[in-house]
C-alpha atoms as a PDB file:
ATOM      1  CA  UNK A   1      -7.963 -11.775 -32.766  1.00  0.00           C
ATOM      2  CA  UNK A   2      -6.027 -13.653 -29.985  1.00  0.00           C
ATOM      3  CA  UNK A   3      -5.675 -16.523 -32.494  1.00  0.00           C
ATOM      4  CA  UNK A   4      -3.077 -14.482 -34.402  1.00  0.00           C
ATOM      5  CA  UNK A   5      -0.774 -13.794 -31.577  1.00  0.00           C
ATOM      6  CA  UNK A   6       2.510 -15.693 -31.658  1.00  0.00           C
ATOM      7  CA  UNK A   7       2.821 -18.376 -28.962  1.00  0.00           C
ATOM      8  CA  UNK A   8       6.533 -18.443 -28.467  1.00  0.00           C
ATOM      9  CA  UNK A   9       7.997 -17.880 -24.874  1.00  0.00           C
ATOM     10  CA  UNK A  10       9.206 -14.342 -25.644  1.00  0.00           C
ATOM     11  CA  UNK A  11       5.788 -13.024 -26.695  1.00  0.00           C
ATOM     12  CA  UNK A  12       4.135 -14.791 -23.693  1.00  0.00           C
ATOM     13  CA  UNK A  13       6.568 -13.243 -21.291  1.00  0.00           C
ATOM     14  CA  UNK A  14       5.917  -9.764 -22.810  1.00  0.00           C
ATOM     15  CA  UNK A  15       2.263 -10.136 -22.533  1.00  0.00           C
ATOM     16  CA  UNK A  16       2.433 -11.247 -18.960  1.00  0.00           C
ATOM     17  CA  UNK A  17       4.817  -8.256 -18.266  1.00  0.00           C
ATOM     18  CA  UNK A  18       2.298  -5.887 -19.941  1.00  0.00           C
ATOM     19  CA  UNK A  19      -0.516  -7.423 -17.762  1.00  0.00           C
ATOM     20  CA  UNK A  20       1.310  -6.725 -14.534  1.00  0.00           C
ATOM     21  CA  UNK A  21       2.171  -3.344 -15.500  1.00  0.00           C
ATOM     22  CA  UNK A  22      -1.439  -2.425 -16.319  1.00  0.00           C
ATOM     23  CA  UNK A  23      -2.517  -4.114 -12.806  1.00  0.00           C
ATOM     24  CA  UNK A  24       0.129  -1.762 -11.272  1.00  0.00           C
ATOM     25  CA  UNK A  25      -1.384   1.433 -12.892  1.00  0.00           C
ATOM     26  CA  UNK A  26      -4.814   0.435 -11.997  1.00  0.00           C
ATOM     27  CA  UNK A  27      -3.519  -0.057  -8.291  1.00  0.00           C
ATOM     28  CA  UNK A  28      -1.905   3.265  -8.334  1.00  0.00           C
ATOM     29  CA  UNK A  29      -5.146   4.911  -9.343  1.00  0.00           C
ATOM     30  CA  UNK A  30      -7.186   3.055  -6.832  1.00  0.00           C
ATOM     31  CA  UNK A  31      -4.724   4.052  -4.077  1.00  0.00           C
ATOM     32  CA  UNK A  32      -5.114   7.781  -5.282  1.00  0.00           C
ATOM     33  CA  UNK A  33      -8.935   7.423  -5.155  1.00  0.00           C
ATOM     34  CA  UNK A  34      -8.943   5.854  -1.750  1.00  0.00           C
ATOM     35  CA  UNK A  35      -6.637   8.665  -0.343  1.00  0.00           C
ATOM     36  CA  UNK A  36      -8.783  11.276  -2.060  1.00  0.00           C
ATOM     37  CA  UNK A  37     -11.959   9.856  -0.701  1.00  0.00           C
ATOM     38  CA  UNK A  38     -10.429   9.729   2.791  1.00  0.00           C
ATOM     39  CA  UNK A  39      -9.373  13.404   2.489  1.00  0.00           C
ATOM     40  CA  UNK A  40     -12.840  14.470   1.300  1.00  0.00           C
ATOM     41  CA  UNK A  41     -14.365  12.527   4.391  1.00  0.00           C
ATOM     42  CA  UNK A  42     -12.193  14.638   6.592  1.00  0.00           C
ATOM     43  CA  UNK A  43     -13.509  17.745   4.972  1.00  0.00           C
ATOM     44  CA  UNK A  44     -17.141  16.768   5.572  1.00  0.00           C
ATOM     45  CA  UNK A  45     -18.930  18.779   8.215  1.00  0.00           C
ATOM     46  CA  UNK A  46     -20.407  15.617   9.752  1.00  0.00           C
ATOM     47  CA  UNK A  47     -17.293  14.737  11.581  1.00  0.00           C
ATOM     48  CA  UNK A  48     -15.831  12.050   9.257  1.00  0.00           C
ATOM     49  CA  UNK A  49     -15.504   8.285   9.788  1.00  0.00           C
ATOM     50  CA  UNK A  50     -15.099   6.490  13.116  1.00  0.00           C
ATOM     51  CA  UNK A  51     -11.628   5.993  14.822  1.00  0.00           C
ATOM     52  CA  UNK A  52     -10.641   2.460  13.644  1.00  0.00           C
ATOM     53  CA  UNK A  53     -11.785   3.193  10.140  1.00  0.00           C
ATOM     54  CA  UNK A  54      -9.930   6.298  10.018  1.00  0.00           C
ATOM     55  CA  UNK A  55      -6.726   4.451  11.062  1.00  0.00           C
ATOM     56  CA  UNK A  56      -7.045   1.333   8.864  1.00  0.00           C
ATOM     57  CA  UNK A  57      -8.943   2.427   5.850  1.00  0.00           C
ATOM     58  CA  UNK A  58      -7.712   5.898   5.116  1.00  0.00           C
ATOM     59  CA  UNK A  59      -4.320   7.052   4.134  1.00  0.00           C
ATOM     60  CA  UNK A  60      -2.331   3.788   4.903  1.00  0.00           C
ATOM     61  CA  UNK A  61      -4.490   1.762   2.632  1.00  0.00           C
ATOM     62  CA  UNK A  62      -4.193   4.390  -0.165  1.00  0.00           C
ATOM     63  CA  UNK A  63      -0.398   4.403   0.366  1.00  0.00           C
ATOM     64  CA  UNK A  64      -0.018   0.814   0.221  1.00  0.00           C
ATOM     65  CA  UNK A  65      -2.023   0.461  -2.938  1.00  0.00           C
ATOM     66  CA  UNK A  66      -0.019   3.036  -4.618  1.00  0.00           C
ATOM     67  CA  UNK A  67       3.450   1.487  -3.404  1.00  0.00           C
ATOM     68  CA  UNK A  68       2.225  -1.906  -4.632  1.00  0.00           C
ATOM     69  CA  UNK A  69       1.126  -0.281  -7.941  1.00  0.00           C
ATOM     70  CA  UNK A  70       4.446   1.445  -8.368  1.00  0.00           C
ATOM     71  CA  UNK A  71       6.413  -1.624  -7.814  1.00  0.00           C
ATOM     72  CA  UNK A  72       4.316  -3.512 -10.374  1.00  0.00           C
ATOM     73  CA  UNK A  73       4.089  -0.589 -12.898  1.00  0.00           C
ATOM     74  CA  UNK A  74       7.885  -0.007 -12.572  1.00  0.00           C
ATOM     75  CA  UNK A  75       8.894  -3.433 -13.808  1.00  0.00           C
ATOM     76  CA  UNK A  76      11.383  -3.651 -16.705  1.00  0.00           C
ATOM     77  CA  UNK A  77      10.711  -5.504 -19.864  1.00  0.00           C
ATOM     78  CA  UNK A  78      11.710  -9.071 -19.738  1.00  0.00           C
ATOM     79  CA  UNK A  79      15.231  -9.835 -21.260  1.00  0.00           C
ATOM     80  CA  UNK A  80      15.562 -11.798 -24.346  1.00  0.00           C
ATOM     81  CA  UNK A  81      17.496 -15.208 -23.771  1.00  0.00           C
END
């Protein structure tokens, strides 16, 4: 199937663009899952994660993944030259 794809520069740039957008969407989903799992850990009756893990792995990591994903997913399509 990939043998039928055009090999010119515009098609290659568009495929690269779509790959980056998909990676951004996956990053947004991973960030949301990280923040959600951190929130569920705070709801647990056992007390939650230890201090350093709470600071470094919880909401800041989820937010960073979501921001990175938003930057990648918000790319505009490549311009034709």
